[in-house]
């Protein structure tokens, strides 16, 4: 099993809205990918401009396949 915690920062305004929208869309699609055990996006409780995507994959092959999908690229 592979767990990734990926952080990104987005300022207020359009950048914030676009980043959150993209992260939620990626989360929804990624959950259906083979080998995805868990996939979610979180906003920091202490810094409203910081997000984390938490991913759990069955194995490296599943993660590699996910990384090659159009929505991830």
N, C-alpha and C. Protein backbone atom coordinates (compact mmCIF):
# COMPACT_ATOMS: atom_id res chain seq x y z
N UNK A 1 0.84 -1.17 0.00
CA UNK A 1 0.00 0.00 0.00
C UNK A 1 0.89 1.24 0.00
N UNK A 2 0.45 2.26 -0.74
CA UNK A 2 1.19 3.52 -0.86
C UNK A 2 0.28 4.66 -0.42
N UNK A 3 0.78 5.51 0.46
CA UNK A 3 0.02 6.68 0.92
C UNK A 3 0.79 7.93 0.54
N UNK A 4 0.09 8.86 -0.08
CA UNK A 4 0.68 10.15 -0.46
C UNK A 4 -0.12 11.27 0.18
N UNK A 5 0.56 12.25 0.70
CA UNK A 5 -0.06 13.48 1.18
C UNK A 5 0.54 14.61 0.36
N UNK A 6 -0.26 15.19 -0.53
CA UNK A 6 0.21 16.22 -1.45
C UNK A 6 -0.40 17.56 -1.05
N UNK A 7 0.44 18.53 -0.79
CA UNK A 7 -0.03 19.84 -0.36
C UNK A 7 0.07 20.85 -1.50
N UNK A 8 -0.89 21.77 -1.54
CA UNK A 8 -0.79 22.88 -2.48
C UNK A 8 -1.40 24.11 -1.83
N UNK A 9 -1.01 25.26 -2.36
CA UNK A 9 -1.46 26.53 -1.80
C UNK A 9 -2.19 27.32 -2.88
N UNK A 10 -3.28 27.96 -2.51
CA UNK A 10 -4.03 28.80 -3.43
C UNK A 10 -4.51 30.04 -2.68
N UNK A 11 -4.28 31.19 -3.27
CA UNK A 11 -4.71 32.43 -2.62
C UNK A 11 -6.21 32.62 -2.81
N UNK A 12 -6.74 33.60 -2.13
CA UNK A 12 -8.17 33.90 -2.26
C UNK A 12 -8.51 34.33 -3.67
N UNK A 13 -9.78 34.37 -3.94
CA UNK A 13 -10.25 34.83 -5.25
C UNK A 13 -10.36 33.69 -6.24
N UNK A 14 -10.17 34.02 -7.50
CA UNK A 14 -10.35 33.04 -8.57
C UNK A 14 -9.37 31.88 -8.47
N UNK A 15 -8.11 32.14 -8.09
CA UNK A 15 -7.14 31.06 -7.98
C UNK A 15 -7.59 30.04 -6.94
N UNK A 16 -8.10 30.52 -5.83
CA UNK A 16 -8.58 29.65 -4.77
C UNK A 16 -9.74 28.79 -5.27
N UNK A 17 -10.74 29.43 -5.88
CA UNK A 17 -11.91 28.71 -6.38
C UNK A 17 -11.53 27.69 -7.45
N UNK A 18 -10.66 28.08 -8.37
CA UNK A 18 -10.23 27.18 -9.44
C UNK A 18 -9.46 25.98 -8.88
N UNK A 19 -8.58 26.23 -7.92
CA UNK A 19 -7.78 25.16 -7.33
C UNK A 19 -8.67 24.17 -6.58
N UNK A 20 -9.60 24.68 -5.81
CA UNK A 20 -10.50 23.81 -5.07
C UNK A 20 -11.39 23.01 -6.01
N UNK A 21 -11.91 23.65 -7.03
CA UNK A 21 -12.76 22.97 -8.01
C UNK A 21 -11.97 21.85 -8.71
N UNK A 22 -10.73 22.12 -9.10
CA UNK A 22 -9.90 21.11 -9.76
C UNK A 22 -9.58 19.96 -8.82
N UNK A 23 -9.29 20.26 -7.56
CA UNK A 23 -8.97 19.21 -6.59
C UNK A 23 -10.17 18.31 -6.33
N UNK A 24 -11.35 18.89 -6.22
CA UNK A 24 -12.56 18.10 -5.99
C UNK A 24 -12.87 17.23 -7.21
N UNK A 25 -12.73 17.78 -8.41
CA UNK A 25 -12.97 17.01 -9.63
C UNK A 25 -11.99 15.85 -9.74
N UNK A 26 -10.71 16.11 -9.43
CA UNK A 26 -9.71 15.05 -9.48
C UNK A 26 -10.02 13.97 -8.45
N UNK A 27 -10.45 14.38 -7.27
CA UNK A 27 -10.80 13.43 -6.22
C UNK A 27 -11.94 12.51 -6.67
N UNK A 28 -12.98 13.10 -7.24
CA UNK A 28 -14.13 12.31 -7.68
C UNK A 28 -13.74 11.28 -8.73
N UNK A 29 -12.94 11.68 -9.71
CA UNK A 29 -12.54 10.76 -10.77
C UNK A 29 -11.55 9.71 -10.26
N UNK A 30 -10.64 10.13 -9.41
CA UNK A 30 -9.59 9.23 -8.93
C UNK A 30 -10.13 8.08 -8.10
N UNK A 31 -11.21 8.32 -7.39
CA UNK A 31 -11.80 7.27 -6.56
C UNK A 31 -12.25 6.06 -7.37
N UNK A 32 -12.51 6.26 -8.66
CA UNK A 32 -12.95 5.15 -9.52
C UNK A 32 -11.79 4.43 -10.19
N UNK A 33 -10.58 4.93 -10.04
CA UNK A 33 -9.43 4.29 -10.68
C UNK A 33 -9.07 2.97 -9.98
N UNK A 34 -8.68 2.00 -10.78
CA UNK A 34 -8.28 0.70 -10.24
C UNK A 34 -7.15 0.87 -9.23
N UNK A 35 -7.27 0.22 -8.10
CA UNK A 35 -6.23 0.26 -7.08
C UNK A 35 -6.35 1.42 -6.11
N UNK A 36 -7.33 2.31 -6.30
CA UNK A 36 -7.52 3.42 -5.37
C UNK A 36 -8.23 2.91 -4.13
N UNK A 37 -7.58 3.04 -3.01
CA UNK A 37 -8.17 2.64 -1.73
C UNK A 37 -8.88 3.83 -1.08
N UNK A 38 -8.26 4.99 -1.16
CA UNK A 38 -8.85 6.22 -0.62
C UNK A 38 -8.25 7.41 -1.33
N UNK A 39 -9.06 8.46 -1.46
CA UNK A 39 -8.61 9.68 -2.14
C UNK A 39 -9.51 10.81 -1.65
N UNK A 40 -8.94 11.84 -1.05
CA UNK A 40 -9.75 12.93 -0.54
C UNK A 40 -8.94 14.22 -0.51
N UNK A 41 -9.63 15.33 -0.45
CA UNK A 41 -8.98 16.64 -0.36
C UNK A 41 -9.43 17.30 0.93
N UNK A 42 -8.49 17.96 1.61
CA UNK A 42 -8.75 18.62 2.89
C UNK A 42 -8.21 20.05 2.84
N UNK A 43 -8.87 20.95 3.57
CA UNK A 43 -8.39 22.31 3.73
C UNK A 43 -7.82 22.45 5.14
N UNK A 44 -6.71 23.13 5.24
CA UNK A 44 -6.08 23.34 6.54
C UNK A 44 -7.00 24.11 7.48
N UNK A 45 -7.01 23.72 8.74
CA UNK A 45 -7.79 24.42 9.75
C UNK A 45 -7.08 25.67 10.25
N UNK A 46 -5.79 25.78 9.97
CA UNK A 46 -5.02 26.92 10.46
C UNK A 46 -4.59 27.88 9.36
N UNK A 47 -4.61 27.41 8.10
CA UNK A 47 -4.24 28.27 6.97
C UNK A 47 -5.23 28.00 5.84
N UNK A 48 -6.15 28.91 5.63
CA UNK A 48 -7.23 28.69 4.67
C UNK A 48 -6.75 28.60 3.22
N UNK A 49 -5.50 28.97 2.96
CA UNK A 49 -4.97 28.90 1.60
C UNK A 49 -4.20 27.61 1.31
N UNK A 50 -4.17 26.69 2.27
CA UNK A 50 -3.42 25.44 2.11
C UNK A 50 -4.38 24.26 2.07
N UNK A 51 -4.16 23.39 1.08
CA UNK A 51 -4.96 22.19 0.90
C UNK A 51 -4.05 20.97 0.90
N UNK A 52 -4.64 19.82 1.19
CA UNK A 52 -3.91 18.56 1.10
C UNK A 52 -4.79 17.53 0.39
N UNK A 53 -4.19 16.85 -0.57
CA UNK A 53 -4.85 15.70 -1.17
C UNK A 53 -4.18 14.48 -0.56
N UNK A 54 -4.99 13.62 0.04
CA UNK A 54 -4.50 12.40 0.69
C UNK A 54 -4.92 11.23 -0.18
N UNK A 55 -3.94 10.49 -0.68
CA UNK A 55 -4.20 9.37 -1.58
C UNK A 55 -3.68 8.08 -0.97
N UNK A 56 -4.41 7.00 -1.15
CA UNK A 56 -3.94 5.67 -0.76
C UNK A 56 -4.16 4.74 -1.94
N UNK A 57 -3.08 4.10 -2.38
CA UNK A 57 -3.10 3.22 -3.55
C UNK A 57 -2.66 1.82 -3.15
N UNK A 58 -3.20 0.84 -3.84
CA UNK A 58 -2.89 -0.56 -3.55
C UNK A 58 -1.43 -0.89 -3.81
N UNK A 59 -0.87 -0.30 -4.88
CA UNK A 59 0.50 -0.63 -5.26
C UNK A 59 1.03 0.43 -6.23
N UNK A 60 2.31 0.32 -6.57
CA UNK A 60 2.95 1.29 -7.45
C UNK A 60 2.33 1.28 -8.85
N UNK A 61 1.95 0.12 -9.34
CA UNK A 61 1.34 0.04 -10.67
C UNK A 61 0.04 0.83 -10.73
N UNK A 62 -0.76 0.76 -9.68
CA UNK A 62 -2.01 1.52 -9.63
C UNK A 62 -1.74 3.02 -9.60
N UNK A 63 -0.77 3.42 -8.82
CA UNK A 63 -0.41 4.84 -8.74
C UNK A 63 0.12 5.34 -10.08
N UNK A 64 0.96 4.53 -10.73
CA UNK A 64 1.50 4.91 -12.05
C UNK A 64 0.39 5.07 -13.08
N UNK A 65 -0.57 4.15 -13.06
CA UNK A 65 -1.70 4.23 -14.00
C UNK A 65 -2.51 5.49 -13.74
N UNK A 66 -2.75 5.81 -12.48
CA UNK A 66 -3.47 7.03 -12.11
C UNK A 66 -2.73 8.26 -12.61
N UNK A 67 -1.43 8.29 -12.43
CA UNK A 67 -0.61 9.45 -12.83
C UNK A 67 -0.63 9.66 -14.35
N UNK A 68 -0.99 8.65 -15.10
CA UNK A 68 -1.01 8.75 -16.57
C UNK A 68 -2.40 9.13 -17.12
N UNK A 69 -3.40 9.26 -16.24
CA UNK A 69 -4.75 9.58 -16.72
C UNK A 69 -4.83 11.04 -17.16
N UNK A 70 -5.72 11.33 -18.11
CA UNK A 70 -5.85 12.72 -18.59
C UNK A 70 -6.20 13.71 -17.48
N UNK A 71 -7.05 13.31 -16.55
CA UNK A 71 -7.44 14.25 -15.49
C UNK A 71 -6.28 14.58 -14.55
N UNK A 72 -5.36 13.65 -14.37
CA UNK A 72 -4.22 13.92 -13.49
C UNK A 72 -3.17 14.76 -14.22
N UNK A 73 -2.92 14.40 -15.47
CA UNK A 73 -1.91 15.12 -16.26
C UNK A 73 -2.33 16.56 -16.43
